[in-house]
Amino acid sequence: MYNITVTIMERTTIMLPDDLRTRTASRARELGISMGELIRLAIEAALSNPEQARKHDTFFSDTAVFRDKGPDNLADNHDQYLYGESQ
């Protein structure tokens, strides 16, 4: 008996700067995998550990603005946080 797993994927187009595309292709060749597989692995790694990914997000890395994870309601009340305006 065979145990076969089928993964259905959808084609997605992304835009990469030339340098990033070149580096991605080079790294994929080094690993012996396709660029698509390398990109899927990178996305999976970023999504599996959101706190780690957030540390590399330049928006949240500004310690003069965020000394911790930031307010939980930032998206809802961004004007209040940015401009002191209440709705």
C-alpha atoms as a PDB file:
ATOM      1  CA  MET A   1       0.000   0.000   0.000  1.00  0.00           C
ATOM      2  CA  TYR A   2       1.081   3.538  -0.713  1.00  0.00           C
ATOM      3  CA  ASN A   3       0.412   6.568   1.439  1.00  0.00           C
ATOM      4  CA  ILE A   4       0.151   9.522  -0.950  1.00  0.00           C
ATOM      5  CA  THR A   5      -0.437  13.119   0.100  1.00  0.00           C
ATOM      6  CA  VAL A   6      -1.549  15.624  -2.508  1.00  0.00           C
ATOM      7  CA  THR A   7      -1.129  19.349  -1.857  1.00  0.00           C
ATOM      8  CA  ILE A   8      -3.164  21.683  -4.014  1.00  0.00           C
ATOM      9  CA  MET A   9      -1.432  24.985  -4.708  1.00  0.00           C
ATOM     10  CA  GLU A  10      -2.474  28.193  -6.392  1.00  0.00           C
ATOM     11  CA  ARG A  11      -0.136  30.149  -8.628  1.00  0.00           C
ATOM     12  CA  THR A  12       0.800  33.534  -7.179  1.00  0.00           C
ATOM     13  CA  THR A  13       2.903  36.227  -8.792  1.00  0.00           C
ATOM     14  CA  ILE A  14       5.249  38.309  -6.664  1.00  0.00           C
ATOM     15  CA  MET A  15       7.458  41.219  -7.619  1.00  0.00           C
ATOM     16  CA  LEU A  16      11.087  41.026  -6.471  1.00  0.00           C
ATOM     17  CA  PRO A  17      13.888  43.541  -6.900  1.00  0.00           C
ATOM     18  CA  ASP A  18      16.590  42.201  -9.240  1.00  0.00           C
ATOM     19  CA  ASP A  19      19.103  41.725  -6.426  1.00  0.00           C
ATOM     20  CA  LEU A  20      16.652  39.760  -4.251  1.00  0.00           C
ATOM     21  CA  ARG A  21      15.600  37.571  -7.168  1.00  0.00           C
ATOM     22  CA  THR A  22      19.245  36.843  -8.015  1.00  0.00           C
ATOM     23  CA  ARG A  23      20.082  35.973  -4.409  1.00  0.00           C
ATOM     24  CA  THR A  24      16.948  33.814  -4.117  1.00  0.00           C
ATOM     25  CA  ALA A  25      17.787  31.875  -7.283  1.00  0.00           C
ATOM     26  CA  SER A  26      21.380  31.401  -6.127  1.00  0.00           C
ATOM     27  CA  ARG A  27      20.345  30.142  -2.685  1.00  0.00           C
ATOM     28  CA  ALA A  28      17.753  27.788  -4.175  1.00  0.00           C
ATOM     29  CA  ARG A  29      20.433  26.316  -6.474  1.00  0.00           C
ATOM     30  CA  GLU A  30      22.759  25.850  -3.479  1.00  0.00           C
ATOM     31  CA  LEU A  31      20.012  23.960  -1.637  1.00  0.00           C
ATOM     32  CA  GLY A  32      18.988  21.973  -4.709  1.00  0.00           C
ATOM     33  CA  ILE A  33      15.389  23.206  -4.605  1.00  0.00           C
ATOM     34  CA  SER A  34      13.250  25.467  -6.750  1.00  0.00           C
ATOM     35  CA  MET A  35      12.823  29.169  -6.081  1.00  0.00           C
ATOM     36  CA  GLY A  36       9.156  28.462  -5.397  1.00  0.00           C
ATOM     37  CA  GLU A  37      10.050  25.927  -2.710  1.00  0.00           C
ATOM     38  CA  LEU A  38      12.541  28.326  -1.098  1.00  0.00           C
ATOM     39  CA  ILE A  39       9.940  31.099  -1.061  1.00  0.00           C
ATOM     40  CA  ARG A  40       7.297  28.737   0.398  1.00  0.00           C
ATOM     41  CA  LEU A  41       9.737  27.683   3.132  1.00  0.00           C
ATOM     42  CA  ALA A  42      10.551  31.318   3.951  1.00  0.00           C
ATOM     43  CA  ILE A  43       6.872  32.273   4.144  1.00  0.00           C
ATOM     44  CA  GLU A  44       6.079  29.239   6.291  1.00  0.00           C
ATOM     45  CA  ALA A  45       8.935  30.132   8.663  1.00  0.00           C
ATOM     46  CA  ALA A  46       7.727  33.730   8.960  1.00  0.00           C
ATOM     47  CA  LEU A  47       4.139  32.679   9.603  1.00  0.00           C
ATOM     48  CA  SER A  48       4.970  29.911  12.060  1.00  0.00           C
ATOM     49  CA  ASN A  49       6.726  32.335  14.413  1.00  0.00           C
ATOM     50  CA  PRO A  50       5.037  35.746  14.127  1.00  0.00           C
ATOM     51  CA  GLU A  51       6.938  37.261  17.062  1.00  0.00           C
ATOM     52  CA  GLN A  52      10.262  36.447  15.375  1.00  0.00           C
ATOM     53  CA  ALA A  53       9.029  37.894  12.089  1.00  0.00           C
ATOM     54  CA  ARG A  54       7.825  40.999  13.896  1.00  0.00           C
ATOM     55  CA  LYS A  55      11.332  41.573  15.307  1.00  0.00           C
ATOM     56  CA  HIS A  56      12.574  41.985  11.727  1.00  0.00           C
ATOM     57  CA  ASP A  57       9.724  44.302  10.736  1.00  0.00           C
ATOM     58  CA  THR A  58      11.221  47.789  10.455  1.00  0.00           C
ATOM     59  CA  PHE A  59       7.934  49.313  11.608  1.00  0.00           C
ATOM     60  CA  PHE A  60       8.196  47.607  15.002  1.00  0.00           C
ATOM     61  CA  SER A  61      11.998  47.697  15.295  1.00  0.00           C
ATOM     62  CA  ASP A  62      11.987  51.431  16.071  1.00  0.00           C
ATOM     63  CA  THR A  63      12.559  51.250  19.829  1.00  0.00           C
ATOM     64  CA  ALA A  64      12.008  54.997  20.170  1.00  0.00           C
ATOM     65  CA  VAL A  65       8.404  54.343  19.171  1.00  0.00           C
ATOM     66  CA  PHE A  66       7.752  50.810  20.460  1.00  0.00           C
ATOM     67  CA  ARG A  67       9.410  49.626  23.637  1.00  0.00           C
ATOM     68  CA  ASP A  68       7.256  46.474  23.665  1.00  0.00           C
ATOM     69  CA  LYS A  69       4.885  44.688  21.274  1.00  0.00           C
ATOM     70  CA  GLY A  70       2.806  47.829  20.850  1.00  0.00           C
ATOM     71  CA  PRO A  71      -0.807  48.447  21.762  1.00  0.00           C
ATOM     72  CA  ASP A  72      -3.332  45.719  20.982  1.00  0.00           C
ATOM     73  CA  ASN A  73      -5.726  48.209  19.403  1.00  0.00           C
ATOM     74  CA  LEU A  74      -3.212  50.033  17.196  1.00  0.00           C
ATOM     75  CA  ALA A  75      -5.036  49.282  13.941  1.00  0.00           C
ATOM     76  CA  ASP A  76      -8.355  50.537  15.291  1.00  0.00           C
ATOM     77  CA  ASN A  77      -6.985  53.653  17.008  1.00  0.00           C
ATOM     78  CA  HIS A  78      -3.957  54.595  14.919  1.00  0.00           C
ATOM     79  CA  ASP A  79      -5.032  58.260  14.543  1.00  0.00           C
ATOM     80  CA  GLN A  80      -5.265  58.605  18.303  1.00  0.00           C
ATOM     81  CA  TYR A  81      -1.777  57.125  18.760  1.00  0.00           C
ATOM     82  CA  LEU A  82      -0.234  59.137  15.937  1.00  0.00           C
ATOM     83  CA  TYR A  83      -1.973  62.466  16.299  1.00  0.00           C
ATOM     84  CA  GLY A  84      -3.655  62.400  19.721  1.00  0.00           C
ATOM     85  CA  GLU A  85      -7.047  62.634  18.052  1.00  0.00           C
ATOM     86  CA  SER A  86      -9.967  60.736  19.502  1.00  0.00           C
ATOM     87  CA  GLN A  87     -12.829  59.611  17.337  1.00  0.00           C
END
